[in-house]
Amino acid sequence: MLFNAIAILALAPAIAAGAPGCYPTWQSGGLYYSGSYVSATLSIESPSTTVSGSGAITTTTTAYIKKNFKCISGSEPTLSHCPAYDPSNIIQAANTWADLGECSGITAPATAPPTNKPTFAKWSGWGCPNEWVSGRSYKGGEFAVVDGVVYKCSTTEFVNQWCGQSIYKPGNSLYWEQAWTRLGSCSGTISPTKSPQYVSLTKAGGCPDEFVIGAKYEEGDKVAVNSIVYKCRSWPNAALCSMRGYEPDGLHSADAWTRMGYCEGTILPTSSPFFDKTPDLGGCPRQYSSDNSYEAGDKVSVEGNGLERIVYECKAFQESRFCDQFEPGHSSELGWKLVGYCDGPTMPTTSPSWVKLVDHNGCPEEYSSGTHYESNDKVAVRVNDIESVVYKCSGDIHLSRYCSQLPPGNAYDLGWTLIAHCTGTMSPTSSPNFSQLREIGDGCPRKYNPSTTYEAGDQASVSVSNAAHHSVVYECKSWPDGAFCNAGSYFAPDSVNVNMGWTLKGYCEGTITPTMSPVVYPTSKCSWYNGTKPVIIETWSTNNLALYTAGTRVRKNDRIYRCNEYPYSLWCKMSAYEPEKSQYWTDAWTKAGRCPNISSPSPTKVPTKTPAHATITIFIGGSLTLDVNFTSSGTLNCSSSPPRGCATFANTRKHRGHISDHNGNRLSPS
């Protein structure tokens, strides 16, 4: 009979001789961080079995041992696991507490945690900015101080709104690195002078508009940051002026902006706007109102010089979404574009004027409210017994949907555009003319397939004349335009938006004979084209987490992954979202293709001189086997089983370096 679980508790275990004294007992929620010392009692169970006449009896002895521990987690209590992880729990203590061994139970002299804060190199500025204040609204790039250390609020759009929240307190919270950047230590205060002294900068006059994150800037645009004037550099550097990471006062500012000097006050407006270079649009559209909702193509007027008004038009999708957020003429230039000036209200004319309309040379079918219309469809609207006007459905896929909902000339000016006048009907044109296109290669590439993934340089054909078996060839553009090659049927080679991702190369007939092996990349390195230059794709690494931003490419072996757009790009900086490693990695990364084979082929050994002798066995078929011996003199000695094999070998022929029998069958050495 086996008896179990008779527990005997050892309440007073022996203490090792010479054991040190114990530090204060650990308490949950204590202000512990790296270097703090505590003690805790561990329970250790020891089972033992004894055998008697009635059977085996198992007893469990529980001993309690008190030990000292040292915290090894976090430089601050808010950044440490030690306040929450019990050192007596083996699982929780791992990587959090260092076991210092048994203690005597007698309280050791109180050893306070180290009070010296980490020291940082002095920051590049003078004195200390203002102390960080919880709840305050911080601008991107603004400085704040906590415990004598200077931090800079993130310039990333929207992230700067976190800078005043307590859970993002710089240097003293769990998530502070998402909103702040540590610059270094400081001392003293920043004493403002009566006016800034710019010893090495020239005066640039009044200050232009302040730099706005997310605004679109072009070559020659000027902005002000902290009373310093910057000018957007010429192309191609101008492409960086609107990109994050290239702000005028940022780390890579010099790549996009030129420092012009310092400024004071504002740039004074002229006495009245100049309209000599702005077209006169005649009557004025409705006045802009912040209470209205606007869409792409909407026109509004705003006050000009008291006599004329300025006309703005809401930009095309996707920038049209800003028309309800920014007023016309806003310094960010988002949403609205200046199109002209006007005088008085827009008045309808008594009859259409054909002076500015071209003759369409025949009328398309008349508009019908029950017909479904698509991009670039043309219709006629009769204005009298003889003449009609021609409207064309918008080529913008987001506006063309209105063509089946609203008639041409609708009050909202949506969907349709007046393009010409016409009389009579249109004569059908002949078959497509290929005389202006050059023939591409000897045959056609594969037909376009929306389920195929295309890359820069890939070609696809589209049939345009079944009778003549003619097709046209399109080539996928380089990045970033090439992204539209895989954006679906709206951007296919046979769509109205073909120019977004494809380039017309010519026409073709027949099919292309496949080559022996396709050429994937011109070089052996794994790279992608960012619009200005090739960028090498490095292997994903925890050492580079801080460098990963929206659009960054990394690879795992030959598989490429792209960091998603903000705010998902913030997860790319966390090792828990390593590509392929967790069920959530797709929240941060997206598959972006494969690298070419970057491994080098094994070198081919240089053949040695003819061997003194070598024997090979040749199988001709059935049970016929030959042993052929190559002698140093180059002669061949043959032996076979059965003997007729050598006679058969004598009838063989040599073809292109290998041995074949009289029927042309290749003979392979074993």
Foldseek 3Di string as FASTA:
>chain_A
DEAEEPEDEDEDDDDDPPFAAFADAQDAQDFAAAQAKHKYKAKDKDWDWDADPVGIYIYIYIYIFMFMKGFHFHLGSQRACRNHQHCNDVVSVVPTIDTPDTHDHHHDPHDGGDPDHDAWAAFPDAAAEAAQAAPDQDAAQDWHDDPQWIKGFHNPPPLSRCDRHPCLPPPHHNNVVSTIDTGHGGHHHDDDDPDDDDPPFDEPEFAEAADDQQFQDAAQDWHDDPQWIKGFHHPPLCVCDNPPQCDCPHPNVVSTIDTHGGYDHHDDDDLFDDQPVADEPEFAEAADDLVDQDAAQDKHWDDGNPFKIWIKGFHHPPQCVCPNVDPPPDPSNTGIDTHGIYGHHDDDDPADDQPPFAEPEFAEAADDLQDQDAAQDKHWDDRDPWKTWIKGFHLPRVQCNCPNVDPPPDPNNTGIDTHHMYGHHDDDDDADDQPVFDEDDAFAEAADDLVDDDAAQDKHWDDRDPVVQKIWIKGFHAPPLNVLCNVDDCQDCPHSNVVSTIDTHGMGHHHDDDDPDDDDDPDLFFWGDHPPGTDGAEADDLVCLVVFAAQHWHDDQFWIKGFHHPPLCNCSSPPVLPPPPDPCVVSTIDTDDTGDNNDDDDDDDDDDPDDQKDWWWWDPDDQKIKIWMQHNVRDIDICIVPRCNVVQQVQWDDDPHFIATPVRHTIDTD
